[in-house]
PDB file of N, CA and C in Angstrom:
ATOM      1  N   MET A   1       0.866  -1.127  -0.014  1.00  0.00           N
ATOM      2  CA  MET A   1       0.070   0.023   0.076  1.00  0.00           C
ATOM      3  C   MET A   1       0.844   1.298   0.018  1.00  0.00           C
ATOM      4  N   GLU A   2       0.333   2.325  -0.634  1.00  0.00           N
ATOM      5  CA  GLU A   2       1.198   3.534  -0.672  1.00  0.00           C
ATOM      6  C   GLU A   2       1.046   4.370   0.698  1.00  0.00           C
ATOM      7  N   TYR A   3       2.008   5.043   0.831  1.00  0.00           N
ATOM      8  CA  TYR A   3       2.067   5.740   2.313  1.00  0.00           C
ATOM      9  C   TYR A   3       1.057   6.953   2.070  1.00  0.00           C
ATOM     10  N   LEU A   4       0.220   7.172   3.137  1.00  0.00           N
ATOM     11  CA  LEU A   4      -0.714   8.198   3.295  1.00  0.00           C
ATOM     12  C   LEU A   4      -0.368   8.845   4.605  1.00  0.00           C
ATOM     13  N   PRO A   5       0.216  10.201   4.432  1.00  0.00           N
ATOM     14  CA  PRO A   5       0.613  10.741   5.631  1.00  0.00           C
ATOM     15  C   PRO A   5      -0.496  11.273   6.747  1.00  0.00           C
ATOM     16  N   GLY A   6      -1.654  11.227   6.344  1.00  0.00           N
ATOM     17  CA  GLY A   6      -2.887  11.687   7.077  1.00  0.00           C
ATOM     18  C   GLY A   6      -3.187  10.762   8.297  1.00  0.00           C
ATOM     19  N   GLY A   7      -2.793   9.539   8.182  1.00  0.00           N
ATOM     20  CA  GLY A   7      -3.023   8.758   9.373  1.00  0.00           C
ATOM     21  C   GLY A   7      -4.332   8.085   9.236  1.00  0.00           C
ATOM     22  N   ASP A   8      -4.967   7.641  10.381  1.00  0.00           N
ATOM     23  CA  ASP A   8      -6.315   7.016  10.315  1.00  0.00           C
ATOM     24  C   ASP A   8      -7.161   7.684  11.393  1.00  0.00           C
ATOM     25  N   ILE A   9      -8.395   7.388  11.322  1.00  0.00           N
ATOM     26  CA  ILE A   9      -9.316   8.154  12.245  1.00  0.00           C
ATOM     27  C   ILE A   9      -9.147   7.916  13.703  1.00  0.00           C
ATOM     28  N   MET A  10      -8.613   6.634  14.023  1.00  0.00           N
ATOM     29  CA  MET A  10      -8.359   6.361  15.421  1.00  0.00           C
ATOM     30  C   MET A  10      -7.265   7.249  15.941  1.00  0.00           C
ATOM     31  N   ASN A  11      -6.156   7.409  15.203  1.00  0.00           N
ATOM     32  CA  ASN A  11      -5.242   8.280  15.717  1.00  0.00           C
ATOM     33  C   ASN A  11      -5.662   9.725  15.727  1.00  0.00           C
ATOM     34  N   LEU A  12      -6.644  10.027  14.811  1.00  0.00           N
ATOM     35  CA  LEU A  12      -6.976  11.432  14.957  1.00  0.00           C
ATOM     36  C   LEU A  12      -7.819  11.730  16.235  1.00  0.00           C
ATOM     37  N   LEU A  13      -8.732  10.638  16.564  1.00  0.00           N
ATOM     38  CA  LEU A  13      -9.375  10.666  17.884  1.00  0.00           C
ATOM     39  C   LEU A  13      -8.520  10.741  19.059  1.00  0.00           C
ATOM     40  N   ILE A  14      -7.405  10.034  19.066  1.00  0.00           N
ATOM     41  CA  ILE A  14      -6.453   9.949  20.180  1.00  0.00           C
ATOM     42  C   ILE A  14      -5.666  11.255  20.236  1.00  0.00           C
ATOM     43  N   ARG A  15      -5.367  11.867  19.245  1.00  0.00           N
ATOM     44  CA  ARG A  15      -4.757  13.115  19.088  1.00  0.00           C
ATOM     45  C   ARG A  15      -5.617  14.290  19.579  1.00  0.00           C
ATOM     46  N   GLU A  16      -6.899  14.359  19.035  1.00  0.00           N
ATOM     47  CA  GLU A  16      -7.755  15.448  19.367  1.00  0.00           C
ATOM     48  C   GLU A  16      -8.742  15.343  20.600  1.00  0.00           C
ATOM     49  N   ASP A  17      -8.712  13.985  21.065  1.00  0.00           N
ATOM     50  CA  ASP A  17      -9.464  13.577  22.286  1.00  0.00           C
ATOM     51  C   ASP A  17     -10.957  13.793  22.025  1.00  0.00           C
ATOM     52  N   THR A  18     -11.497  14.813  21.668  1.00  0.00           N
ATOM     53  CA  THR A  18     -12.906  14.922  21.266  1.00  0.00           C
ATOM     54  C   THR A  18     -13.079  15.770  20.024  1.00  0.00           C
ATOM     55  N   LEU A  19     -13.878  15.376  19.115  1.00  0.00           N
ATOM     56  CA  LEU A  19     -14.153  16.074  17.884  1.00  0.00           C
ATOM     57  C   LEU A  19     -15.454  16.844  18.095  1.00  0.00           C
ATOM     58  N   THR A  20     -15.500  18.104  17.468  1.00  0.00           N
ATOM     59  CA  THR A  20     -16.540  18.868  17.447  1.00  0.00           C
ATOM     60  C   THR A  20     -17.689  18.158  16.580  1.00  0.00           C
ATOM     61  N   GLU A  21     -18.959  18.608  16.986  1.00  0.00           N
ATOM     62  CA  GLU A  21     -19.985  17.857  16.125  1.00  0.00           C
ATOM     63  C   GLU A  21     -19.827  18.077  14.576  1.00  0.00           C
ATOM     64  N   SER A  22     -19.500  19.300  14.196  1.00  0.00           N
ATOM     65  CA  SER A  22     -19.286  19.513  12.759  1.00  0.00           C
ATOM     66  C   SER A  22     -18.283  18.571  12.149  1.00  0.00           C
ATOM     67  N   VAL A  23     -17.172  18.403  12.793  1.00  0.00           N
ATOM     68  CA  VAL A  23     -16.028  17.621  12.306  1.00  0.00           C
ATOM     69  C   VAL A  23     -16.456  16.204  12.355  1.00  0.00           C
ATOM     70  N   ALA A  24     -17.073  15.686  13.420  1.00  0.00           N
ATOM     71  CA  ALA A  24     -17.680  14.357  13.456  1.00  0.00           C
ATOM     72  C   ALA A  24     -18.610  14.052  12.274  1.00  0.00           C
ATOM     73  N   ARG A  25     -19.497  14.964  11.873  1.00  0.00           N
ATOM     74  CA  ARG A  25     -20.387  14.854  10.835  1.00  0.00           C
ATOM     75  C   ARG A  25     -19.612  14.664   9.529  1.00  0.00           C
ATOM     76  N   PHE A  26     -18.651  15.322   9.370  1.00  0.00           N
ATOM     77  CA  PHE A  26     -17.808  15.446   8.166  1.00  0.00           C
ATOM     78  C   PHE A  26     -17.221  13.990   8.094  1.00  0.00           C
ATOM     79  N   TYR A  27     -16.524  13.544   8.951  1.00  0.00           N
ATOM     80  CA  TYR A  27     -15.867  12.266   8.904  1.00  0.00           C
ATOM     81  C   TYR A  27     -16.926  11.145   8.767  1.00  0.00           C
ATOM     82  N   ILE A  28     -18.096  11.255   9.321  1.00  0.00           N
ATOM     83  CA  ILE A  28     -19.098  10.123   9.267  1.00  0.00           C
ATOM     84  C   ILE A  28     -19.543  10.244   7.863  1.00  0.00           C
ATOM     85  N   ALA A  29     -19.946  11.421   7.272  1.00  0.00           N
ATOM     86  CA  ALA A  29     -20.374  11.492   6.005  1.00  0.00           C
ATOM     87  C   ALA A  29     -19.384  10.966   5.047  1.00  0.00           C
ATOM     88  N   LEU A  30     -17.963  11.282   5.039  1.00  0.00           N
ATOM     89  CA  LEU A  30     -17.118  10.695   4.313  1.00  0.00           C
ATOM     90  C   LEU A  30     -16.854   9.255   4.409  1.00  0.00           C
ATOM     91  N   SER A  31     -17.039   8.781   5.494  1.00  0.00           N
ATOM     92  CA  SER A  31     -17.022   7.234   5.692  1.00  0.00           C
ATOM     93  C   SER A  31     -18.082   6.568   4.967  1.00  0.00           C
ATOM     94  N   ALA A  32     -19.472   7.102   5.098  1.00  0.00           N
ATOM     95  CA  ALA A  32     -20.545   6.626   4.464  1.00  0.00           C
ATOM     96  C   ALA A  32     -20.482   6.568   2.953  1.00  0.00           C
ATOM     97  N   LEU A  33     -19.971   7.622   2.426  1.00  0.00           N
ATOM     98  CA  LEU A  33     -19.742   7.653   0.937  1.00  0.00           C
ATOM     99  C   LEU A  33     -18.594   6.762   0.510  1.00  0.00           C
ATOM    100  N   ALA A  34     -17.586   6.589   1.235  1.00  0.00           N
ATOM    101  CA  ALA A  34     -16.525   5.623   0.997  1.00  0.00           C
ATOM    102  C   ALA A  34     -17.158   4.229   0.855  1.00  0.00           C
ATOM    103  N   MET A  35     -17.830   3.825   2.030  1.00  0.00           N
ATOM    104  CA  MET A  35     -18.536   2.491   2.005  1.00  0.00           C
ATOM    105  C   MET A  35     -19.522   2.280   0.980  1.00  0.00           C
ATOM    106  N   GLU A  36     -20.319   3.341   0.502  1.00  0.00           N
ATOM    107  CA  GLU A  36     -21.191   3.199  -0.530  1.00  0.00           C
ATOM    108  C   GLU A  36     -20.483   2.987  -1.961  1.00  0.00           C
ATOM    109  N   SER A  37     -19.332   3.659  -2.045  1.00  0.00           N
ATOM    110  CA  SER A  37     -18.360   3.511  -3.312  1.00  0.00           C
ATOM    111  C   SER A  37     -17.926   2.008  -3.407  1.00  0.00           C
ATOM    112  N   ILE A  38     -17.440   1.587  -2.220  1.00  0.00           N
ATOM    113  CA  ILE A  38     -16.888   0.142  -2.123  1.00  0.00           C
ATOM    114  C   ILE A  38     -18.036  -0.816  -2.355  1.00  0.00           C
ATOM    115  N   HIS A  39     -19.263  -0.660  -1.955  1.00  0.00           N
ATOM    116  CA  HIS A  39     -20.276  -1.411  -2.118  1.00  0.00           C
ATOM    117  C   HIS A  39     -20.686  -1.438  -3.614  1.00  0.00           C
ATOM    118  N   LYS A  40     -20.721  -0.323  -4.192  1.00  0.00           N
ATOM    119  CA  LYS A  40     -20.983  -0.304  -5.702  1.00  0.00           C
ATOM    120  C   LYS A  40     -20.078  -1.022  -6.512  1.00  0.00           C
ATOM    121  N   HIS A  41     -18.905  -1.288  -6.063  1.00  0.00           N
ATOM    122  CA  HIS A  41     -17.809  -1.934  -6.852  1.00  0.00           C
ATOM    123  C   HIS A  41     -17.894  -3.521  -6.494  1.00  0.00           C
ATOM    124  N   ILE A  42     -18.857  -3.864  -5.653  1.00  0.00           N
ATOM    125  CA  ILE A  42     -19.033  -5.314  -5.197  1.00  0.00           C
ATOM    126  C   ILE A  42     -17.891  -5.821  -4.418  1.00  0.00           C
ATOM    127  N   TYR A  43     -17.336  -4.925  -3.604  1.00  0.00           N
ATOM    128  CA  TYR A  43     -16.231  -5.289  -2.574  1.00  0.00           C
ATOM    129  C   TYR A  43     -16.815  -5.439  -1.282  1.00  0.00           C
ATOM    130  N   ILE A  44     -16.238  -6.642  -0.628  1.00  0.00           N
ATOM    131  CA  ILE A  44     -16.825  -6.831   0.738  1.00  0.00           C
ATOM    132  C   ILE A  44     -15.482  -6.542   1.667  1.00  0.00           C
ATOM    133  N   HIS A  45     -15.880  -5.684   2.634  1.00  0.00           N
ATOM    134  CA  HIS A  45     -14.801  -5.469   3.789  1.00  0.00           C
ATOM    135  C   HIS A  45     -15.374  -5.905   5.078  1.00  0.00           C
ATOM    136  N   ARG A  46     -14.792  -6.973   5.662  1.00  0.00           N
ATOM    137  CA  ARG A  46     -15.367  -7.503   6.845  1.00  0.00           C
ATOM    138  C   ARG A  46     -14.675  -6.875   8.153  1.00  0.00           C
ATOM    139  N   ASP A  47     -13.915  -5.779   8.033  1.00  0.00           N
ATOM    140  CA  ASP A  47     -13.070  -5.272   9.147  1.00  0.00           C
ATOM    141  C   ASP A  47     -13.130  -3.838   9.151  1.00  0.00           C
ATOM    142  N   ILE A  48     -14.411  -3.201   9.068  1.00  0.00           N
ATOM    143  CA  ILE A  48     -14.558  -1.794   8.902  1.00  0.00           C
ATOM    144  C   ILE A  48     -14.482  -1.328  10.567  1.00  0.00           C
ATOM    145  N   LYS A  49     -13.404  -0.565  10.790  1.00  0.00           N
ATOM    146  CA  LYS A  49     -13.247  -0.081  12.054  1.00  0.00           C
ATOM    147  C   LYS A  49     -12.342   1.287  11.939  1.00  0.00           C
ATOM    148  N   LEU A  50     -12.405   2.004  12.923  1.00  0.00           N
ATOM    149  CA  LEU A  50     -11.605   3.280  12.956  1.00  0.00           C
ATOM    150  C   LEU A  50     -10.148   3.274  12.605  1.00  0.00           C
ATOM    151  N   ASP A  51      -9.513   2.118  12.976  1.00  0.00           N
ATOM    152  CA  ASP A  51      -8.131   1.924  12.630  1.00  0.00           C
ATOM    153  C   ASP A  51      -7.863   1.645  11.036  1.00  0.00           C
ATOM    154  N   ASN A  52      -8.888   1.187  10.414  1.00  0.00           N
ATOM    155  CA  ASN A  52      -8.853   0.881   8.995  1.00  0.00           C
ATOM    156  C   ASN A  52      -9.307   1.990   8.153  1.00  0.00           C
ATOM    157  N   LEU A  53      -9.870   3.073   8.644  1.00  0.00           N
ATOM    158  CA  LEU A  53     -10.375   4.223   7.675  1.00  0.00           C
ATOM    159  C   LEU A  53      -9.189   5.152   7.689  1.00  0.00           C
ATOM    160  N   ILE A  54      -8.608   5.196   6.634  1.00  0.00           N
ATOM    161  CA  ILE A  54      -7.287   6.087   6.340  1.00  0.00           C
ATOM    162  C   ILE A  54      -7.598   7.442   5.910  1.00  0.00           C
ATOM    163  N   LEU A  55      -6.925   8.357   6.364  1.00  0.00           N
ATOM    164  CA  LEU A  55      -7.233   9.809   5.943  1.00  0.00           C
ATOM    165  C   LEU A  55      -6.109  10.147   5.192  1.00  0.00           C
ATOM    166  N   ASP A  56      -6.568  10.787   3.942  1.00  0.00           N
ATOM    167  CA  ASP A  56      -5.495  11.309   2.994  1.00  0.00           C
ATOM    168  C   ASP A  56      -5.515  12.708   2.810  1.00  0.00           C
TER     169      ASP A  56
END
């Protein structure tokens, strides 16, 4: 996999401790759109968790 300097959502939560509602809504919306895209490509991912959501 290529290097993505943004990290993952779990590290973001550890670093920020608490996200504001608007930031949380933003990342939830992006996650939902990403999962929709993956689903449209008929790809199954059985381990969706904060550690596996990579930020770019």
